[in-house]
């Protein structure tokens, strides 16, 4: 009985998707969701995941005035679904003003050492990438497109060449 319990728990841990949430702020998630909705054409609404975050104080320039604010820097991922089959994951770094609860433009803040380290840490992850399952579906579709017609031709016509079939028909007509 103990063995079955261990197997069931292992299967649950294996198949239950885990989300790493660096920020528990729903206002932050909503702001990032809105930004993804505005910038990604085929965005799946509500697919935002906060993958990593850090909080720091830095100078923010608004209306020609510099003020020191608490800024939350987050790495977020959103999904695009094209043709109900191909899923793309877009990762982007956002800057969130925790005081006024809005996203900041990266040009409006002076990046301190912590922000530079965060950006350097996640530089290779940014951008839009095709999900592994969608990539597999694409490769299988291409493989079938290339290999299926010759396989059908071999199956229906066997290994006989076209010239052999015509000569054998002509020989059988003469006889």
N, C-alpha and C. Protein backbone atom coordinates (compact mmCIF):
# COMPACT_ATOMS: atom_id res chain seq x y z
N UNK A 1 0.82 -1.19 0.00
CA UNK A 1 0.00 0.00 0.00
C UNK A 1 0.87 1.27 0.00
N UNK A 2 1.96 1.21 0.76
CA UNK A 2 2.85 2.35 0.84
C UNK A 2 3.51 2.62 -0.52
N UNK A 3 3.77 1.55 -1.23
CA UNK A 3 4.38 1.68 -2.56
C UNK A 3 3.44 2.40 -3.52
N UNK A 4 2.16 2.04 -3.51
CA UNK A 4 1.19 2.67 -4.39
C UNK A 4 1.00 4.14 -4.05
N UNK A 5 1.02 4.46 -2.79
CA UNK A 5 0.89 5.85 -2.38
C UNK A 5 2.07 6.67 -2.89
N UNK A 6 3.26 6.10 -2.80
CA UNK A 6 4.46 6.78 -3.30
C UNK A 6 4.37 6.99 -4.80
N UNK A 7 3.91 5.99 -5.53
CA UNK A 7 3.77 6.10 -6.99
C UNK A 7 2.76 7.17 -7.36
N UNK A 8 1.62 7.18 -6.68
CA UNK A 8 0.58 8.18 -6.97
C UNK A 8 1.09 9.59 -6.68
N UNK A 9 1.76 9.79 -5.56
CA UNK A 9 2.30 11.10 -5.24
C UNK A 9 3.36 11.54 -6.25
N UNK A 10 4.19 10.62 -6.68
CA UNK A 10 5.20 10.93 -7.69
C UNK A 10 4.53 11.34 -9.00
N UNK A 11 3.50 10.62 -9.41
CA UNK A 11 2.79 10.95 -10.65
C UNK A 11 2.12 12.33 -10.55
N UNK A 12 1.55 12.65 -9.39
CA UNK A 12 0.93 13.96 -9.22
C UNK A 12 1.97 15.07 -9.33
N UNK A 13 3.12 14.88 -8.70
CA UNK A 13 4.18 15.88 -8.79
C UNK A 13 4.72 16.01 -10.20
N UNK A 14 4.73 14.91 -10.93
CA UNK A 14 5.25 14.91 -12.29
C UNK A 14 4.32 15.62 -13.26
N UNK A 15 3.01 15.41 -13.10
CA UNK A 15 2.07 15.92 -14.09
C UNK A 15 1.36 17.21 -13.69
N UNK A 16 1.44 17.63 -12.46
CA UNK A 16 0.81 18.88 -12.06
C UNK A 16 1.75 20.02 -12.43
N UNK A 17 1.30 20.94 -13.26
CA UNK A 17 2.19 22.04 -13.65
C UNK A 17 2.47 22.95 -12.47
N UNK A 18 3.73 23.26 -12.31
CA UNK A 18 4.14 24.13 -11.21
C UNK A 18 4.44 25.51 -11.77
N UNK A 19 4.03 26.53 -11.05
CA UNK A 19 4.31 27.90 -11.45
C UNK A 19 5.18 28.54 -10.40
N UNK A 20 6.24 29.16 -10.86
CA UNK A 20 7.10 29.91 -9.96
C UNK A 20 6.60 31.33 -9.96
N UNK A 21 6.20 31.79 -8.83
CA UNK A 21 5.67 33.15 -8.75
C UNK A 21 6.58 33.99 -7.89
N UNK A 22 7.25 34.92 -8.53
CA UNK A 22 8.14 35.79 -7.79
C UNK A 22 7.39 36.94 -7.16
N UNK A 23 6.20 37.21 -7.62
CA UNK A 23 5.44 38.33 -7.07
C UNK A 23 3.99 37.90 -6.90
N UNK A 24 3.44 38.17 -5.74
CA UNK A 24 2.07 37.77 -5.48
C UNK A 24 1.08 38.88 -5.77
N UNK A 25 1.51 39.96 -6.35
CA UNK A 25 0.67 41.12 -6.58
C UNK A 25 -0.26 40.90 -7.76
N UNK A 26 -1.54 40.94 -7.50
CA UNK A 26 -2.49 40.78 -8.60
C UNK A 26 -2.54 42.05 -9.46
N UNK A 27 -2.28 43.22 -8.86
CA UNK A 27 -2.25 44.46 -9.64
C UNK A 27 -1.10 44.42 -10.63
N UNK A 28 0.04 43.88 -10.22
CA UNK A 28 1.18 43.73 -11.12
C UNK A 28 0.84 42.77 -12.25
N UNK A 29 0.24 41.64 -11.92
CA UNK A 29 -0.13 40.65 -12.93
C UNK A 29 -1.13 41.24 -13.92
N UNK A 30 -2.09 42.01 -13.43
CA UNK A 30 -3.07 42.64 -14.32
C UNK A 30 -2.42 43.67 -15.24
N UNK A 31 -1.47 44.44 -14.71
CA UNK A 31 -0.78 45.44 -15.53
C UNK A 31 0.06 44.77 -16.62
N UNK A 32 0.75 43.69 -16.27
CA UNK A 32 1.54 42.96 -17.26
C UNK A 32 0.62 42.29 -18.28
N UNK A 33 -0.50 41.75 -17.82
CA UNK A 33 -1.48 41.13 -18.72
C UNK A 33 -1.99 42.15 -19.74
N UNK A 34 -2.30 43.35 -19.28
CA UNK A 34 -2.78 44.41 -20.17
C UNK A 34 -1.69 44.80 -21.18
N UNK A 35 -0.45 44.89 -20.72
CA UNK A 35 0.66 45.25 -21.62
C UNK A 35 0.86 44.18 -22.69
N UNK A 36 0.82 42.91 -22.29
CA UNK A 36 0.94 41.82 -23.28
C UNK A 36 -0.22 41.87 -24.26
N UNK A 37 -1.42 42.15 -23.76
CA UNK A 37 -2.61 42.21 -24.63
C UNK A 37 -2.47 43.31 -25.67
N UNK A 38 -1.82 44.41 -25.29
CA UNK A 38 -1.63 45.53 -26.22
C UNK A 38 -0.52 45.29 -27.23
N UNK A 39 0.48 44.47 -26.87
CA UNK A 39 1.65 44.32 -27.74
C UNK A 39 1.68 43.02 -28.53
N UNK A 40 1.06 41.96 -28.06
CA UNK A 40 1.09 40.67 -28.77
C UNK A 40 -0.22 40.46 -29.52
N UNK A 41 -0.13 40.14 -30.79
CA UNK A 41 -1.31 40.03 -31.64
C UNK A 41 -2.22 38.87 -31.26
N UNK A 42 -1.67 37.69 -31.05
CA UNK A 42 -2.46 36.49 -30.78
C UNK A 42 -2.39 36.10 -29.30
N UNK A 43 -2.34 37.08 -28.42
CA UNK A 43 -2.13 36.83 -27.00
C UNK A 43 -3.29 36.06 -26.38
N UNK A 44 -2.95 35.06 -25.58
CA UNK A 44 -3.96 34.30 -24.84
C UNK A 44 -4.18 35.03 -23.52
N UNK A 45 -5.36 35.60 -23.36
CA UNK A 45 -5.67 36.42 -22.21
C UNK A 45 -5.51 35.63 -20.91
N UNK A 46 -4.84 36.23 -19.95
CA UNK A 46 -4.67 35.61 -18.64
C UNK A 46 -3.54 34.61 -18.55
N UNK A 47 -2.68 34.54 -19.55
CA UNK A 47 -1.60 33.54 -19.54
C UNK A 47 -0.31 34.06 -18.92
N UNK A 48 -0.37 35.18 -18.23
CA UNK A 48 0.83 35.78 -17.64
C UNK A 48 1.36 34.91 -16.51
N UNK A 49 2.66 34.70 -16.53
CA UNK A 49 3.36 34.05 -15.43
C UNK A 49 4.53 34.94 -15.04
N UNK A 50 4.63 35.24 -13.77
CA UNK A 50 5.78 35.99 -13.27
C UNK A 50 6.85 34.97 -12.93
N UNK A 51 7.92 34.95 -13.69
CA UNK A 51 8.95 33.94 -13.53
C UNK A 51 10.00 34.32 -12.49
N UNK A 52 10.32 35.59 -12.40
CA UNK A 52 11.32 36.05 -11.45
C UNK A 52 11.05 37.52 -11.17
N UNK A 53 11.41 37.97 -9.97
CA UNK A 53 11.21 39.38 -9.65
C UNK A 53 12.21 39.83 -8.59
N UNK A 54 12.38 41.12 -8.52
CA UNK A 54 13.20 41.74 -7.47
C UNK A 54 12.66 43.14 -7.21
N UNK A 55 12.84 43.60 -6.01
CA UNK A 55 12.38 44.93 -5.63
C UNK A 55 13.59 45.76 -5.25
N UNK A 56 13.62 46.98 -5.77
CA UNK A 56 14.75 47.89 -5.50
C UNK A 56 14.25 49.33 -5.52
N UNK A 57 15.07 50.23 -5.01
CA UNK A 57 14.77 51.66 -5.07
C UNK A 57 15.68 52.28 -6.12
N UNK A 58 15.09 53.12 -6.95
CA UNK A 58 15.86 53.78 -7.99
C UNK A 58 15.20 55.11 -8.34
N UNK A 59 15.93 55.95 -9.05
CA UNK A 59 15.40 57.24 -9.47
C UNK A 59 14.55 57.07 -10.72
N UNK A 60 13.37 57.67 -10.68
CA UNK A 60 12.44 57.61 -11.80
C UNK A 60 12.17 59.04 -12.26
N UNK A 61 12.26 59.25 -13.58
CA UNK A 61 12.02 60.57 -14.15
C UNK A 61 10.60 60.61 -14.71
N UNK A 62 9.78 61.50 -14.14
CA UNK A 62 8.42 61.71 -14.63
C UNK A 62 8.16 63.21 -14.72
N UNK A 63 7.76 63.66 -15.88
CA UNK A 63 7.47 65.09 -16.11
C UNK A 63 8.65 65.97 -15.70
N UNK A 64 9.84 65.60 -16.12
CA UNK A 64 11.07 66.35 -15.86
C UNK A 64 11.43 66.46 -14.38
N UNK A 65 10.87 65.60 -13.54
CA UNK A 65 11.24 65.58 -12.12
C UNK A 65 11.74 64.19 -11.77
N UNK A 66 12.84 64.16 -11.02
CA UNK A 66 13.41 62.88 -10.59
C UNK A 66 12.99 62.61 -9.15
N UNK A 67 12.43 61.43 -8.94
CA UNK A 67 12.06 61.01 -7.60
C UNK A 67 12.55 59.59 -7.37
N UNK A 68 12.86 59.27 -6.14
CA UNK A 68 13.28 57.92 -5.80
C UNK A 68 12.03 57.11 -5.46
N UNK A 69 11.86 56.00 -6.16
CA UNK A 69 10.68 55.17 -5.97
C UNK A 69 11.08 53.71 -5.78
N UNK A 70 10.17 52.97 -5.19
CA UNK A 70 10.34 51.52 -5.07
C UNK A 70 9.84 50.89 -6.36
N UNK A 71 10.73 50.22 -7.06
CA UNK A 71 10.41 49.63 -8.36
C UNK A 71 10.56 48.11 -8.26
N UNK A 72 9.58 47.43 -8.78
CA UNK A 72 9.65 45.97 -8.84
C UNK A 72 10.00 45.60 -10.28
N UNK A 73 11.11 44.90 -10.46
CA UNK A 73 11.57 44.46 -11.78
C UNK A 73 11.17 43.00 -11.91
N UNK A 74 10.41 42.67 -12.96
CA UNK A 74 9.90 41.31 -13.11
C UNK A 74 10.22 40.75 -14.49
N UNK A 75 10.47 39.45 -14.53
CA UNK A 75 10.55 38.72 -15.79
C UNK A 75 9.23 38.00 -15.93
N UNK A 76 8.48 38.36 -16.96
CA UNK A 76 7.14 37.80 -17.16
C UNK A 76 7.08 37.05 -18.48
N UNK A 77 6.20 36.05 -18.51
CA UNK A 77 5.99 35.25 -19.72
C UNK A 77 4.51 35.26 -20.06
N UNK A 78 4.22 35.48 -21.33
CA UNK A 78 2.86 35.41 -21.84
C UNK A 78 2.83 34.48 -23.03
N UNK A 79 1.66 33.94 -23.34
CA UNK A 79 1.55 32.97 -24.43
C UNK A 79 0.72 33.53 -25.57
N UNK A 80 1.15 33.20 -26.78
CA UNK A 80 0.40 33.49 -28.00
C UNK A 80 -0.01 32.16 -28.60
N UNK A 81 -1.25 32.06 -29.06
CA UNK A 81 -1.71 30.83 -29.71
C UNK A 81 -2.14 31.19 -31.12
N UNK A 82 -1.48 30.57 -32.09
CA UNK A 82 -1.80 30.81 -33.50
C UNK A 82 -2.40 29.56 -34.10
N UNK A 83 -3.48 29.70 -34.80
CA UNK A 83 -4.17 28.62 -35.49
C UNK A 83 -4.57 27.49 -34.54
N UNK A 84 -4.80 27.80 -33.29
CA UNK A 84 -5.18 26.83 -32.25
C UNK A 84 -4.22 25.66 -32.16
N UNK A 85 -3.03 25.79 -32.66
CA UNK A 85 -2.09 24.68 -32.70
C UNK A 85 -0.68 25.07 -32.27
N UNK A 86 -0.24 26.24 -32.66
CA UNK A 86 1.13 26.65 -32.39
C UNK A 86 1.15 27.65 -31.23
N UNK A 87 1.89 27.31 -30.19
CA UNK A 87 1.98 28.13 -28.99
C UNK A 87 3.37 28.76 -28.92
N UNK A 88 3.39 30.07 -28.81
CA UNK A 88 4.63 30.81 -28.64
C UNK A 88 4.66 31.39 -27.23
N UNK A 89 5.83 31.37 -26.59
CA UNK A 89 5.99 31.96 -25.27
C UNK A 89 6.87 33.21 -25.41
N UNK A 90 6.33 34.35 -25.00
CA UNK A 90 7.06 35.61 -25.07
C UNK A 90 7.50 35.98 -23.65
N UNK A 91 8.80 36.23 -23.49
CA UNK A 91 9.33 36.63 -22.19
C UNK A 91 9.85 38.05 -22.31
N UNK A 92 9.55 38.86 -21.28
CA UNK A 92 9.92 40.26 -21.32
C UNK A 92 10.15 40.75 -19.89
N UNK A 93 11.01 41.73 -19.74
CA UNK A 93 11.25 42.35 -18.44
C UNK A 93 10.38 43.61 -18.34
N UNK A 94 9.67 43.72 -17.20
CA UNK A 94 8.82 44.88 -16.93
C UNK A 94 9.29 45.56 -15.66
N UNK A 95 9.03 46.87 -15.59
CA UNK A 95 9.37 47.67 -14.43
C UNK A 95 8.07 48.21 -13.86
N UNK A 96 7.79 47.87 -12.60
CA UNK A 96 6.50 48.21 -11.98
C UNK A 96 6.72 49.13 -10.79
N UNK A 97 6.05 50.27 -10.80
CA UNK A 97 6.10 51.21 -9.69
C UNK A 97 5.11 50.73 -8.63
N UNK A 98 5.63 50.25 -7.52
CA UNK A 98 4.77 49.69 -6.47
C UNK A 98 3.95 50.77 -5.78
N UNK A 99 4.43 52.02 -5.78
CA UNK A 99 3.71 53.11 -5.11
C UNK A 99 2.47 53.53 -5.89
N UNK A 100 2.64 53.81 -7.18
CA UNK A 100 1.50 54.26 -7.99
C UNK A 100 0.84 53.12 -8.74
N UNK A 101 1.33 51.91 -8.60
CA UNK A 101 0.76 50.69 -9.19
C UNK A 101 0.56 50.82 -10.70
N UNK A 102 1.66 51.13 -11.40
CA UNK A 102 1.62 51.18 -12.86
C UNK A 102 2.97 50.76 -13.41
N UNK A 103 2.97 50.33 -14.65
CA UNK A 103 4.21 49.94 -15.32
C UNK A 103 4.97 51.19 -15.74
N UNK A 104 6.29 51.09 -15.64
CA UNK A 104 7.15 52.20 -16.03
C UNK A 104 7.88 51.86 -17.32
N UNK A 105 8.17 52.90 -18.08
CA UNK A 105 8.99 52.74 -19.27
C UNK A 105 10.45 52.61 -18.82
N UNK A 106 11.18 51.74 -19.47
CA UNK A 106 12.58 51.51 -19.06
C UNK A 106 13.43 52.75 -19.23
N UNK A 107 13.06 53.64 -20.14
CA UNK A 107 13.83 54.87 -20.35
C UNK A 107 13.61 55.88 -19.24
N UNK A 108 12.53 55.75 -18.48
CA UNK A 108 12.22 56.74 -17.46
C UNK A 108 12.90 56.47 -16.13
N UNK A 109 13.61 55.35 -16.00
CA UNK A 109 14.29 55.09 -14.73
C UNK A 109 15.78 54.94 -14.95
N UNK A 110 16.51 55.37 -13.95
CA UNK A 110 17.97 55.20 -14.01
C UNK A 110 18.28 53.84 -13.38
N UNK A 111 18.94 53.00 -14.14
CA UNK A 111 19.14 51.62 -13.72
C UNK A 111 20.33 51.53 -12.76
N UNK A 112 20.02 51.07 -11.56
CA UNK A 112 21.09 50.87 -10.59
C UNK A 112 21.75 49.51 -10.83
N UNK A 113 22.69 49.15 -9.98
CA UNK A 113 23.46 47.92 -10.18
C UNK A 113 22.58 46.67 -10.07
N UNK A 114 21.59 46.70 -9.17
CA UNK A 114 20.69 45.55 -9.02
C UNK A 114 19.88 45.30 -10.29
N UNK A 115 19.38 46.36 -10.89
CA UNK A 115 18.59 46.23 -12.12
C UNK A 115 19.48 45.73 -13.26
N UNK A 116 20.68 46.24 -13.35
CA UNK A 116 21.61 45.79 -14.40
C UNK A 116 21.94 44.31 -14.24
N UNK A 117 22.13 43.87 -13.00
CA UNK A 117 22.41 42.44 -12.73
C UNK A 117 21.21 41.59 -13.13
N UNK A 118 19.99 42.04 -12.81
CA UNK A 118 18.77 41.31 -13.15
C UNK A 118 18.64 41.18 -14.66
N UNK A 119 18.86 42.29 -15.38
CA UNK A 119 18.77 42.26 -16.85
C UNK A 119 19.83 41.35 -17.45
N UNK A 120 21.04 41.40 -16.91
CA UNK A 120 22.12 40.55 -17.42
C UNK A 120 21.82 39.07 -17.17
N UNK A 121 21.24 38.78 -16.02
CA UNK A 121 20.90 37.39 -15.65
C UNK A 121 19.88 36.79 -16.62
N UNK A 122 18.92 37.59 -17.08
CA UNK A 122 17.83 37.08 -17.91
C UNK A 122 17.93 37.49 -19.38
N UNK A 123 19.08 38.02 -19.80
CA UNK A 123 19.24 38.51 -21.17
C UNK A 123 18.99 37.42 -22.21
N UNK A 124 19.47 36.21 -21.97
CA UNK A 124 19.31 35.12 -22.94
C UNK A 124 17.92 34.54 -23.01
N UNK A 125 17.07 34.85 -22.05
CA UNK A 125 15.72 34.29 -22.01
C UNK A 125 14.68 35.15 -22.73
N UNK A 126 15.01 36.40 -23.00
CA UNK A 126 14.03 37.33 -23.55
C UNK A 126 13.70 37.02 -25.00
N UNK A 127 12.48 37.35 -25.39
CA UNK A 127 12.05 37.17 -26.78
C UNK A 127 10.90 36.19 -26.87
N UNK A 128 10.58 35.84 -28.10
CA UNK A 128 9.46 34.94 -28.38
C UNK A 128 10.00 33.63 -28.93
N UNK A 129 9.55 32.52 -28.33
CA UNK A 129 10.02 31.21 -28.75
C UNK A 129 8.85 30.25 -28.90
N UNK A 130 8.97 29.36 -29.87
CA UNK A 130 7.96 28.33 -30.11
C UNK A 130 8.07 27.27 -29.03
N UNK A 131 6.93 26.83 -28.50
CA UNK A 131 6.96 25.82 -27.43
C UNK A 131 7.46 24.49 -28.00
N UNK A 132 8.07 23.65 -27.18
CA UNK A 132 8.60 22.36 -27.67
C UNK A 132 7.54 21.46 -28.29
N UNK A 133 6.34 21.42 -27.72
CA UNK A 133 5.27 20.59 -28.29
C UNK A 133 4.86 21.10 -29.67
N UNK A 134 4.73 22.41 -29.82
CA UNK A 134 4.38 22.98 -31.12
C UNK A 134 5.48 22.75 -32.14
N UNK A 135 6.73 22.82 -31.71
CA UNK A 135 7.86 22.55 -32.60
C UNK A 135 7.82 21.11 -33.08
N UNK A 136 7.48 20.18 -32.20
CA UNK A 136 7.36 18.77 -32.57
C UNK A 136 6.23 18.57 -33.58
N UNK A 137 5.10 19.22 -33.36
CA UNK A 137 3.97 19.12 -34.30
C UNK A 137 4.38 19.66 -35.66
N UNK A 138 5.10 20.77 -35.68
CA UNK A 138 5.56 21.36 -36.94
C UNK A 138 6.51 20.42 -37.68
N UNK A 139 7.46 19.82 -36.95
CA UNK A 139 8.40 18.89 -37.59
C UNK A 139 7.70 17.65 -38.13
N UNK A 140 6.75 17.10 -37.39
CA UNK A 140 6.00 15.93 -37.86
C UNK A 140 5.20 16.28 -39.11
N UNK A 141 4.58 17.46 -39.13
CA UNK A 141 3.81 17.88 -40.31
C UNK A 141 4.72 18.03 -41.53
N UNK A 142 5.90 18.61 -41.34
CA UNK A 142 6.84 18.74 -42.45
C UNK A 142 7.35 17.38 -42.91
N UNK A 143 7.63 16.50 -41.98
CA UNK A 143 8.10 15.17 -42.32
C UNK A 143 7.05 14.41 -43.12
N UNK A 144 5.80 14.50 -42.68
CA UNK A 144 4.72 13.81 -43.42
C UNK A 144 4.52 14.42 -44.80
N UNK A 145 4.64 15.73 -44.91
CA UNK A 145 4.47 16.40 -46.20
C UNK A 145 5.53 15.94 -47.19
N UNK A 146 6.74 15.73 -46.70
CA UNK A 146 7.84 15.34 -47.58
C UNK A 146 7.83 13.84 -47.88
N UNK A 147 7.52 13.01 -46.89
CA UNK A 147 7.65 11.56 -47.08
C UNK A 147 6.37 10.86 -47.51
N UNK A 148 5.21 11.43 -47.23
CA UNK A 148 3.95 10.74 -47.53
C UNK A 148 3.72 10.50 -49.03
N UNK A 149 3.86 11.49 -49.91
CA UNK A 149 3.61 11.23 -51.34
C UNK A 149 4.51 10.12 -51.94
N UNK A 150 5.81 10.10 -51.69
CA UNK A 150 6.60 8.98 -52.23
C UNK A 150 6.21 7.62 -51.65
N UNK A 151 5.85 7.60 -50.38
CA UNK A 151 5.42 6.33 -49.78
C UNK A 151 4.12 5.82 -50.41
N UNK A 152 3.19 6.72 -50.68
CA UNK A 152 1.94 6.32 -51.34
C UNK A 152 2.22 5.81 -52.74
N UNK A 153 3.12 6.48 -53.46
CA UNK A 153 3.46 6.04 -54.82
C UNK A 153 4.09 4.66 -54.80
N UNK A 154 4.98 4.41 -53.85
CA UNK A 154 5.60 3.09 -53.75
C UNK A 154 4.57 2.04 -53.37
N UNK A 155 3.66 2.39 -52.49
CA UNK A 155 2.66 1.44 -52.04
C UNK A 155 1.72 1.04 -53.18
N UNK A 156 1.24 2.01 -53.98
CA UNK A 156 0.31 1.70 -55.05
C UNK A 156 0.98 1.09 -56.28
N UNK A 157 2.18 1.55 -56.61
CA UNK A 157 2.82 1.10 -57.83
C UNK A 157 3.92 0.08 -57.59
N UNK A 158 4.21 -0.24 -56.37
CA UNK A 158 5.24 -1.22 -56.08
C UNK A 158 6.60 -0.70 -56.49
N UNK A 159 7.48 -1.63 -56.87
CA UNK A 159 8.83 -1.23 -57.25
C UNK A 159 9.00 -1.20 -58.77
N UNK A 160 7.92 -1.36 -59.50
CA UNK A 160 8.02 -1.34 -60.96
C UNK A 160 8.19 0.08 -61.46
N UNK A 161 9.05 0.25 -62.43
CA UNK A 161 9.24 1.56 -63.02
C UNK A 161 8.14 1.82 -64.04
N UNK A 162 7.99 3.06 -64.45
CA UNK A 162 6.93 3.43 -65.40
C UNK A 162 7.19 2.79 -66.76
N UNK A 163 8.42 2.78 -67.21
CA UNK A 163 8.71 2.21 -68.54
C UNK A 163 8.45 0.70 -68.55
N UNK A 164 8.69 0.03 -67.44
CA UNK A 164 8.44 -1.41 -67.36
C UNK A 164 6.94 -1.71 -67.47
N UNK A 165 6.10 -0.87 -66.87
CA UNK A 165 4.66 -1.11 -66.93
C UNK A 165 4.14 -0.94 -68.36
N UNK A 166 4.63 0.08 -69.08
CA UNK A 166 4.15 0.29 -70.44
C UNK A 166 4.64 -0.80 -71.39
N UNK A 167 5.86 -1.27 -71.21
CA UNK A 167 6.36 -2.33 -72.09
C UNK A 167 5.65 -3.64 -71.81
N UNK A 168 5.30 -3.91 -70.57
CA UNK A 168 4.62 -5.16 -70.28
C UNK A 168 3.18 -5.10 -70.79
N UNK A 169 2.54 -3.92 -70.79
CA UNK A 169 1.19 -3.80 -71.34
C UNK A 169 1.23 -3.99 -72.86
N UNK A 170 2.23 -3.42 -73.48
CA UNK A 170 2.35 -3.53 -74.95
C UNK A 170 2.63 -4.97 -75.33
N UNK A 171 3.42 -5.68 -74.55
CA UNK A 171 3.72 -7.08 -74.85
C UNK A 171 2.50 -7.94 -74.65
N UNK A 172 1.69 -7.64 -73.67
CA UNK A 172 0.50 -8.47 -73.45
C UNK A 172 -0.56 -8.18 -74.50
N UNK A 173 -0.57 -7.00 -75.12
CA UNK A 173 -1.54 -6.68 -76.16
C UNK A 173 -1.17 -7.37 -77.47
N UNK A 174 0.13 -7.57 -77.72
CA UNK A 174 0.54 -8.23 -78.94
C UNK A 174 0.20 -9.71 -78.92
N UNK A 175 0.22 -10.28 -77.76
CA UNK A 175 0.03 -11.73 -77.66
C UNK A 175 -1.38 -12.13 -77.78
